[in-house]
Amino acid sequence: MIEYERLRPDERTPWDAVVVEVTQIFGRSVADVAAVEQIACVPVPVRQALQDAEKLRDQLNLKRIVVRIADEGLWNPEWGHLALKP
């Protein structure tokens, strides 16, 4: 299972990562993707956002993908495991 580092809403955005920000719109979990010099896109289904994040990480040669999510209830475990950094 894929593991993603979870950022709390008040944590700084890391410079070495693609950030997937998960929110809820009309009762559905959606996400946008951003990186250091990439502005967030229009929200898309979370699975698609995670795939887009993988591509962007490779294109920009970044180290990781992190997920910013205020309510962990919006996360589907099928997408991967969310882990808080130590």
PDB file of N, CA and C in Angstrom:
ATOM      1  N   MET A   1       0.840  -1.177   0.000  1.00  0.00           N
ATOM      2  CA  MET A   1       0.000   0.000   0.000  1.00  0.00           C
ATOM      3  C   MET A   1       0.890   1.248   0.000  1.00  0.00           C
ATOM      4  N   ILE A   2       0.500   2.212  -0.771  1.00  0.00           N
ATOM      5  CA  ILE A   2       1.237   3.470  -0.853  1.00  0.00           C
ATOM      6  C   ILE A   2       1.033   4.245   0.448  1.00  0.00           C
ATOM      7  N   GLU A   3       2.100   4.881   0.921  1.00  0.00           N
ATOM      8  CA  GLU A   3       2.009   5.700   2.123  1.00  0.00           C
ATOM      9  C   GLU A   3       2.311   7.141   1.759  1.00  0.00           C
ATOM     10  N   TYR A   4       1.470   8.042   2.222  1.00  0.00           N
ATOM     11  CA  TYR A   4       1.647   9.474   2.002  1.00  0.00           C
ATOM     12  C   TYR A   4       1.851  10.153   3.348  1.00  0.00           C
ATOM     13  N   GLU A   5       2.702  11.150   3.350  1.00  0.00           N
ATOM     14  CA  GLU A   5       2.898  11.946   4.560  1.00  0.00           C
ATOM     15  C   GLU A   5       1.748  12.932   4.675  1.00  0.00           C
ATOM     16  N   ARG A   6       1.155  12.985   5.842  1.00  0.00           N
ATOM     17  CA  ARG A   6       0.041  13.896   6.075  1.00  0.00           C
ATOM     18  C   ARG A   6       0.542  15.198   6.676  1.00  0.00           C
ATOM     19  N   LEU A   7       0.116  16.306   6.087  1.00  0.00           N
ATOM     20  CA  LEU A   7       0.380  17.630   6.648  1.00  0.00           C
ATOM     21  C   LEU A   7      -0.895  18.134   7.292  1.00  0.00           C
ATOM     22  N   ARG A   8      -0.748  18.726   8.438  1.00  0.00           N
ATOM     23  CA  ARG A   8      -1.898  19.383   9.043  1.00  0.00           C
ATOM     24  C   ARG A   8      -2.078  20.736   8.341  1.00  0.00           C
ATOM     25  N   PRO A   9      -3.287  21.290   8.381  1.00  0.00           N
ATOM     26  CA  PRO A   9      -3.534  22.559   7.673  1.00  0.00           C
ATOM     27  C   PRO A   9      -2.604  23.695   8.081  1.00  0.00           C
ATOM     28  N   ASP A  10      -2.099  23.693   9.323  1.00  0.00           N
ATOM     29  CA  ASP A  10      -1.255  24.793   9.786  1.00  0.00           C
ATOM     30  C   ASP A  10       0.238  24.574   9.520  1.00  0.00           C
ATOM     31  N   GLU A  11       0.616  23.427   8.943  1.00  0.00           N
ATOM     32  CA  GLU A  11       2.029  23.162   8.680  1.00  0.00           C
ATOM     33  C   GLU A  11       2.491  23.847   7.403  1.00  0.00           C
ATOM     34  N   ARG A  12       3.768  24.222   7.405  1.00  0.00           N
ATOM     35  CA  ARG A  12       4.356  24.849   6.218  1.00  0.00           C
ATOM     36  C   ARG A  12       4.397  23.887   5.043  1.00  0.00           C
ATOM     37  N   THR A  13       4.280  24.442   3.859  1.00  0.00           N
ATOM     38  CA  THR A  13       4.372  23.644   2.644  1.00  0.00           C
ATOM     39  C   THR A  13       5.837  23.337   2.370  1.00  0.00           C
ATOM     40  N   PRO A  14       6.188  22.074   2.255  1.00  0.00           N
ATOM     41  CA  PRO A  14       7.593  21.728   2.009  1.00  0.00           C
ATOM     42  C   PRO A  14       8.019  22.073   0.584  1.00  0.00           C
ATOM     43  N   TRP A  15       9.291  22.454   0.436  1.00  0.00           N
ATOM     44  CA  TRP A  15       9.836  22.835  -0.870  1.00  0.00           C
ATOM     45  C   TRP A  15      10.228  21.636  -1.718  1.00  0.00           C
ATOM     46  N   ASP A  16      10.339  20.456  -1.098  1.00  0.00           N
ATOM     47  CA  ASP A  16      10.802  19.277  -1.828  1.00  0.00           C
ATOM     48  C   ASP A  16       9.669  18.305  -2.146  1.00  0.00           C
ATOM     49  N   ALA A  17       8.424  18.816  -2.143  1.00  0.00           N
ATOM     50  CA  ALA A  17       7.286  17.912  -2.296  1.00  0.00           C
ATOM     51  C   ALA A  17       6.201  18.492  -3.193  1.00  0.00           C
ATOM     52  N   VAL A  18       5.427  17.589  -3.748  1.00  0.00           N
ATOM     53  CA  VAL A  18       4.169  17.934  -4.395  1.00  0.00           C
ATOM     54  C   VAL A  18       3.107  17.834  -3.307  1.00  0.00           C
ATOM     55  N   VAL A  19       2.215  18.805  -3.254  1.00  0.00           N
ATOM     56  CA  VAL A  19       1.188  18.833  -2.225  1.00  0.00           C
ATOM     57  C   VAL A  19      -0.177  18.535  -2.855  1.00  0.00           C
ATOM     58  N   VAL A  20      -0.836  17.538  -2.301  1.00  0.00           N
ATOM     59  CA  VAL A  20      -2.209  17.206  -2.691  1.00  0.00           C
ATOM     60  C   VAL A  20      -3.092  17.677  -1.544  1.00  0.00           C
ATOM     61  N   GLU A  21      -3.967  18.644  -1.829  1.00  0.00           N
ATOM     62  CA  GLU A  21      -4.835  19.178  -0.779  1.00  0.00           C
ATOM     63  C   GLU A  21      -6.246  18.643  -0.975  1.00  0.00           C
ATOM     64  N   VAL A  22      -6.684  17.867  -0.001  1.00  0.00           N
ATOM     65  CA  VAL A  22      -7.984  17.205  -0.080  1.00  0.00           C
ATOM     66  C   VAL A  22      -9.029  18.051   0.642  1.00  0.00           C
ATOM     67  N   THR A  23     -10.139  18.306  -0.037  1.00  0.00           N
ATOM     68  CA  THR A  23     -11.256  19.051   0.531  1.00  0.00           C
ATOM     69  C   THR A  23     -12.556  18.349   0.134  1.00  0.00           C
ATOM     70  N   GLN A  24     -13.648  18.940   0.518  1.00  0.00           N
ATOM     71  CA  GLN A  24     -14.947  18.368   0.171  1.00  0.00           C
ATOM     72  C   GLN A  24     -15.766  19.406  -0.573  1.00  0.00           C
ATOM     73  N   ILE A  25     -16.327  18.998  -1.697  1.00  0.00           N
ATOM     74  CA  ILE A  25     -17.217  19.855  -2.478  1.00  0.00           C
ATOM     75  C   ILE A  25     -18.468  19.051  -2.795  1.00  0.00           C
ATOM     76  N   PHE A  26     -19.605  19.599  -2.465  1.00  0.00           N
ATOM     77  CA  PHE A  26     -20.889  18.929  -2.717  1.00  0.00           C
ATOM     78  C   PHE A  26     -20.904  17.506  -2.182  1.00  0.00           C
ATOM     79  N   GLY A  27     -20.321  17.311  -0.998  1.00  0.00           N
ATOM     80  CA  GLY A  27     -20.349  16.013  -0.344  1.00  0.00           C
ATOM     81  C   GLY A  27     -19.357  14.991  -0.864  1.00  0.00           C
ATOM     82  N   ARG A  28     -18.468  15.399  -1.777  1.00  0.00           N
ATOM     83  CA  ARG A  28     -17.481  14.470  -2.336  1.00  0.00           C
ATOM     84  C   ARG A  28     -16.077  14.954  -2.020  1.00  0.00           C
ATOM     85  N   SER A  29     -15.176  13.997  -1.769  1.00  0.00           N
ATOM     86  CA  SER A  29     -13.773  14.332  -1.551  1.00  0.00           C
ATOM     87  C   SER A  29     -13.123  14.615  -2.904  1.00  0.00           C
ATOM     88  N   VAL A  30     -12.498  15.773  -2.997  1.00  0.00           N
ATOM     89  CA  VAL A  30     -11.758  16.166  -4.194  1.00  0.00           C
ATOM     90  C   VAL A  30     -10.415  16.722  -3.747  1.00  0.00           C
ATOM     91  N   ALA A  31      -9.522  16.915  -4.700  1.00  0.00           N
ATOM     92  CA  ALA A  31      -8.197  17.425  -4.329  1.00  0.00           C
ATOM     93  C   ALA A  31      -7.620  18.268  -5.446  1.00  0.00           C
ATOM     94  N   ASP A  32      -6.722  19.166  -5.065  1.00  0.00           N
ATOM     95  CA  ASP A  32      -5.932  19.877  -6.058  1.00  0.00           C
ATOM     96  C   ASP A  32      -4.466  19.572  -5.804  1.00  0.00           C
ATOM     97  N   VAL A  33      -3.660  19.820  -6.823  1.00  0.00           N
ATOM     98  CA  VAL A  33      -2.244  19.464  -6.787  1.00  0.00           C
ATOM     99  C   VAL A  33      -1.424  20.727  -7.007  1.00  0.00           C
ATOM    100  N   ALA A  34      -0.386  20.907  -6.199  1.00  0.00           N
ATOM    101  CA  ALA A  34       0.486  22.071  -6.336  1.00  0.00           C
ATOM    102  C   ALA A  34       1.913  21.670  -5.970  1.00  0.00           C
ATOM    103  N   ALA A  35       2.856  22.477  -6.407  1.00  0.00           N
ATOM    104  CA  ALA A  35       4.268  22.284  -6.061  1.00  0.00           C
ATOM    105  C   ALA A  35       4.908  23.660  -6.022  1.00  0.00           C
ATOM    106  N   VAL A  36       6.194  23.688  -5.773  1.00  0.00           N
ATOM    107  CA  VAL A  36       6.918  24.941  -5.573  1.00  0.00           C
ATOM    108  C   VAL A  36       6.562  26.009  -6.602  1.00  0.00           C
ATOM    109  N   GLU A  37       6.661  25.693  -7.862  1.00  0.00           N
ATOM    110  CA  GLU A  37       6.378  26.684  -8.899  1.00  0.00           C
ATOM    111  C   GLU A  37       5.143  26.330  -9.710  1.00  0.00           C
ATOM    112  N   GLN A  38       4.346  25.441  -9.202  1.00  0.00           N
ATOM    113  CA  GLN A  38       3.114  25.020  -9.870  1.00  0.00           C
ATOM    114  C   GLN A  38       1.928  25.438  -9.021  1.00  0.00           C
ATOM    115  N   ILE A  39       1.061  26.258  -9.577  1.00  0.00           N
ATOM    116  CA  ILE A  39      -0.131  26.699  -8.867  1.00  0.00           C
ATOM    117  C   ILE A  39      -1.140  25.567  -8.864  1.00  0.00           C
ATOM    118  N   ALA A  40      -1.907  25.480  -7.807  1.00  0.00           N
ATOM    119  CA  ALA A  40      -2.911  24.421  -7.678  1.00  0.00           C
ATOM    120  C   ALA A  40      -3.863  24.431  -8.865  1.00  0.00           C
ATOM    121  N   CYS A  41      -4.263  23.248  -9.256  1.00  0.00           N
ATOM    122  CA  CYS A  41      -5.187  23.085 -10.374  1.00  0.00           C
ATOM    123  C   CYS A  41      -6.627  23.101  -9.863  1.00  0.00           C
ATOM    124  N   VAL A  42      -7.546  22.954 -10.773  1.00  0.00           N
ATOM    125  CA  VAL A  42      -8.956  22.826 -10.422  1.00  0.00           C
ATOM    126  C   VAL A  42      -9.129  21.496  -9.684  1.00  0.00           C
ATOM    127  N   PRO A  43      -9.926  21.461  -8.619  1.00  0.00           N
ATOM    128  CA  PRO A  43     -10.109  20.206  -7.893  1.00  0.00           C
ATOM    129  C   PRO A  43     -10.628  19.086  -8.800  1.00  0.00           C
ATOM    130  N   VAL A  44     -10.056  17.908  -8.588  1.00  0.00           N
ATOM    131  CA  VAL A  44     -10.413  16.706  -9.345  1.00  0.00           C
ATOM    132  C   VAL A  44     -10.633  15.579  -8.337  1.00  0.00           C
ATOM    133  N   PRO A  45     -11.171  14.434  -8.768  1.00  0.00           N
ATOM    134  CA  PRO A  45     -11.267  13.312  -7.843  1.00  0.00           C
ATOM    135  C   PRO A  45      -9.905  12.993  -7.227  1.00  0.00           C
ATOM    136  N   VAL A  46      -9.894  12.578  -5.975  1.00  0.00           N
ATOM    137  CA  VAL A  46      -8.640  12.384  -5.242  1.00  0.00           C
ATOM    138  C   VAL A  46      -7.720  11.384  -5.948  1.00  0.00           C
ATOM    139  N   ARG A  47      -8.252  10.282  -6.418  1.00  0.00           N
ATOM    140  CA  ARG A  47      -7.413   9.283  -7.095  1.00  0.00           C
ATOM    141  C   ARG A  47      -6.677   9.912  -8.286  1.00  0.00           C
ATOM    142  N   GLN A  48      -7.384  10.735  -9.061  1.00  0.00           N
ATOM    143  CA  GLN A  48      -6.754  11.409 -10.196  1.00  0.00           C
ATOM    144  C   GLN A  48      -5.693  12.396  -9.720  1.00  0.00           C
ATOM    145  N   ALA A  49      -5.980  13.129  -8.637  1.00  0.00           N
ATOM    146  CA  ALA A  49      -5.019  14.090  -8.095  1.00  0.00           C
ATOM    147  C   ALA A  49      -3.739  13.378  -7.666  1.00  0.00           C
ATOM    148  N   LEU A  50      -3.867  12.213  -7.051  1.00  0.00           N
ATOM    149  CA  LEU A  50      -2.683  11.461  -6.620  1.00  0.00           C
ATOM    150  C   LEU A  50      -1.869  10.988  -7.830  1.00  0.00           C
ATOM    151  N   GLN A  51      -2.547  10.582  -8.895  1.00  0.00           N
ATOM    152  CA  GLN A  51      -1.840  10.195 -10.122  1.00  0.00           C
ATOM    153  C   GLN A  51      -1.143  11.403 -10.744  1.00  0.00           C
ATOM    154  N   ASP A  52      -1.840  12.539 -10.771  1.00  0.00           N
ATOM    155  CA  ASP A  52      -1.238  13.771 -11.301  1.00  0.00           C
ATOM    156  C   ASP A  52      -0.028  14.182 -10.461  1.00  0.00           C
ATOM    157  N   ALA A  53      -0.117  13.986  -9.160  1.00  0.00           N
ATOM    158  CA  ALA A  53       0.989  14.325  -8.262  1.00  0.00           C
ATOM    159  C   ALA A  53       2.214  13.463  -8.546  1.00  0.00           C
ATOM    160  N   GLU A  54       2.003  12.193  -8.824  1.00  0.00           N
ATOM    161  CA  GLU A  54       3.125  11.297  -9.172  1.00  0.00           C
ATOM    162  C   GLU A  54       3.843  11.812 -10.419  1.00  0.00           C
ATOM    163  N   LYS A  55       3.071  12.186 -11.427  1.00  0.00           N
ATOM    164  CA  LYS A  55       3.659  12.697 -12.671  1.00  0.00           C
ATOM    165  C   LYS A  55       4.424  13.992 -12.415  1.00  0.00           C
ATOM    166  N   LEU A  56       3.814  14.898 -11.655  1.00  0.00           N
ATOM    167  CA  LEU A  56       4.456  16.183 -11.367  1.00  0.00           C
ATOM    168  C   LEU A  56       5.730  15.993 -10.548  1.00  0.00           C
ATOM    169  N   ARG A  57       5.699  15.080  -9.594  1.00  0.00           N
ATOM    170  CA  ARG A  57       6.902  14.791  -8.800  1.00  0.00           C
ATOM    171  C   ARG A  57       8.044  14.352  -9.710  1.00  0.00           C
ATOM    172  N   ASP A  58       7.750  13.466 -10.652  1.00  0.00           N
ATOM    173  CA  ASP A  58       8.777  12.994 -11.587  1.00  0.00           C
ATOM    174  C   ASP A  58       9.265  14.122 -12.492  1.00  0.00           C
ATOM    175  N   GLN A  59       8.339  14.940 -13.016  1.00  0.00           N
ATOM    176  CA  GLN A  59       8.701  16.036 -13.916  1.00  0.00           C
ATOM    177  C   GLN A  59       9.596  17.069 -13.234  1.00  0.00           C
ATOM    178  N   LEU A  60       9.291  17.379 -11.980  1.00  0.00           N
ATOM    179  CA  LEU A  60      10.030  18.420 -11.255  1.00  0.00           C
ATOM    180  C   LEU A  60      11.171  17.854 -10.417  1.00  0.00           C
ATOM    181  N   ASN A  61      11.322  16.536 -10.459  1.00  0.00           N
ATOM    182  CA  ASN A  61      12.380  15.858  -9.701  1.00  0.00           C
ATOM    183  C   ASN A  61      12.304  16.185  -8.201  1.00  0.00           C
ATOM    184  N   LEU A  62      11.088  16.100  -7.669  1.00  0.00           N
ATOM    185  CA  LEU A  62      10.889  16.341  -6.247  1.00  0.00           C
ATOM    186  C   LEU A  62      10.949  15.024  -5.490  1.00  0.00           C
ATOM    187  N   LYS A  63      11.149  15.106  -4.179  1.00  0.00           N
ATOM    188  CA  LYS A  63      11.397  13.913  -3.373  1.00  0.00           C
ATOM    189  C   LYS A  63      10.141  13.152  -2.965  1.00  0.00           C
ATOM    190  N   ARG A  64       9.016  13.852  -2.772  1.00  0.00           N
ATOM    191  CA  ARG A  64       7.881  13.181  -2.158  1.00  0.00           C
ATOM    192  C   ARG A  64       6.564  13.859  -2.501  1.00  0.00           C
ATOM    193  N   ILE A  65       5.509  13.172  -2.119  1.00  0.00           N
ATOM    194  CA  ILE A  65       4.157  13.698  -2.224  1.00  0.00           C
ATOM    195  C   ILE A  65       3.611  13.757  -0.806  1.00  0.00           C
ATOM    196  N   VAL A  66       3.036  14.894  -0.445  1.00  0.00           N
ATOM    197  CA  VAL A  66       2.413  15.034   0.865  1.00  0.00           C
ATOM    198  C   VAL A  66       0.947  15.379   0.673  1.00  0.00           C
ATOM    199  N   VAL A  67       0.154  15.037   1.664  1.00  0.00           N
ATOM    200  CA  VAL A  67      -1.284  15.278   1.599  1.00  0.00           C
ATOM    201  C   VAL A  67      -1.673  16.212   2.738  1.00  0.00           C
ATOM    202  N   ARG A  68      -2.300  17.321   2.372  1.00  0.00           N
ATOM    203  CA  ARG A  68      -2.829  18.245   3.387  1.00  0.00           C
ATOM    204  C   ARG A  68      -4.336  17.987   3.447  1.00  0.00           C
ATOM    205  N   ILE A  69      -4.797  17.647   4.642  1.00  0.00           N
ATOM    206  CA  ILE A  69      -6.210  17.308   4.818  1.00  0.00           C
ATOM    207  C   ILE A  69      -6.615  17.722   6.227  1.00  0.00           C
ATOM    208  N   ALA A  70      -7.682  18.500   6.314  1.00  0.00           N
ATOM    209  CA  ALA A  70      -8.134  18.971   7.623  1.00  0.00           C
ATOM    210  C   ALA A  70      -8.951  17.903   8.341  1.00  0.00           C
ATOM    211  N   ASP A  71      -9.732  17.158   7.588  1.00  0.00           N
ATOM    212  CA  ASP A  71     -10.619  16.153   8.174  1.00  0.00           C
ATOM    213  C   ASP A  71     -10.243  14.789   7.600  1.00  0.00           C
ATOM    214  N   GLU A  72      -9.641  13.951   8.416  1.00  0.00           N
ATOM    215  CA  GLU A  72      -9.196  12.639   7.935  1.00  0.00           C
ATOM    216  C   GLU A  72     -10.379  11.779   7.481  1.00  0.00           C
ATOM    217  N   GLY A  73     -11.586  12.138   7.864  1.00  0.00           N
ATOM    218  CA  GLY A  73     -12.772  11.426   7.424  1.00  0.00           C
ATOM    219  C   GLY A  73     -13.015  11.546   5.925  1.00  0.00           C
ATOM    220  N   LEU A  74     -12.377  12.521   5.276  1.00  0.00           N
ATOM    221  CA  LEU A  74     -12.503  12.684   3.827  1.00  0.00           C
ATOM    222  C   LEU A  74     -11.629  11.702   3.057  1.00  0.00           C
ATOM    223  N   TRP A  75     -10.704  11.034   3.759  1.00  0.00           N
ATOM    224  CA  TRP A  75      -9.726  10.140   3.121  1.00  0.00           C
ATOM    225  C   TRP A  75     -10.294   8.732   2.979  1.00  0.00           C
ATOM    226  N   ASN A  76     -10.123   8.137   1.811  1.00  0.00           N
ATOM    227  CA  ASN A  76     -10.518   6.753   1.566  1.00  0.00           C
ATOM    228  C   ASN A  76      -9.261   5.888   1.678  1.00  0.00           C
ATOM    229  N   PRO A  77      -9.216   4.909   2.566  1.00  0.00           N
ATOM    230  CA  PRO A  77      -8.022   4.077   2.729  1.00  0.00           C
ATOM    231  C   PRO A  77      -7.577   3.368   1.436  1.00  0.00           C
ATOM    232  N   GLU A  78      -8.472   3.235   0.465  1.00  0.00           N
ATOM    233  CA  GLU A  78      -8.097   2.633  -0.818  1.00  0.00           C
ATOM    234  C   GLU A  78      -7.070   3.473  -1.562  1.00  0.00           C
ATOM    235  N   TRP A  79      -6.974   4.761  -1.238  1.00  0.00           N
ATOM    236  CA  TRP A  79      -6.018   5.648  -1.906  1.00  0.00           C
ATOM    237  C   TRP A  79      -4.606   5.487  -1.366  1.00  0.00           C
ATOM    238  N   GLY A  80      -4.469   4.906  -0.193  1.00  0.00           N
ATOM    239  CA  GLY A  80      -3.165   4.742   0.450  1.00  0.00           C
ATOM    240  C   GLY A  80      -3.283   5.013   1.936  1.00  0.00           C
ATOM    241  N   HIS A  81      -2.139   4.973   2.599  1.00  0.00           N
ATOM    242  CA  HIS A  81      -2.081   5.194   4.046  1.00  0.00           C
ATOM    243  C   HIS A  81      -1.550   6.598   4.323  1.00  0.00           C
ATOM    244  N   LEU A  82      -2.214   7.314   5.217  1.00  0.00           N
ATOM    245  CA  LEU A  82      -1.748   8.642   5.638  1.00  0.00           C
ATOM    246  C   LEU A  82      -0.946   8.495   6.922  1.00  0.00           C
ATOM    247  N   ALA A  83       0.255   9.024   6.926  1.00  0.00           N
ATOM    248  CA  ALA A  83       1.107   8.943   8.100  1.00  0.00           C
ATOM    249  C   ALA A  83       1.583  10.336   8.485  1.00  0.00           C
ATOM    250  N   LEU A  84       1.489  10.646   9.759  1.00  0.00           N
ATOM    251  CA  LEU A  84       2.028  11.915  10.252  1.00  0.00           C
ATOM    252  C   LEU A  84       3.543  11.771  10.354  1.00  0.00           C
ATOM    253  N   LYS A  85       4.262  12.830   9.991  1.00  0.00           N
ATOM    254  CA  LYS A  85       5.716  12.757  10.102  1.00  0.00           C
ATOM    255  C   LYS A  85       6.107  12.798  11.572  1.00  0.00           C
ATOM    256  N   PRO A  86       7.201  12.138  11.902  1.00  0.00           N
ATOM    257  CA  PRO A  86       7.624  12.074  13.309  1.00  0.00           C
ATOM    258  C   PRO A  86       8.065  13.424  13.840  1.00  0.00           C
TER     259      PRO A  86
END
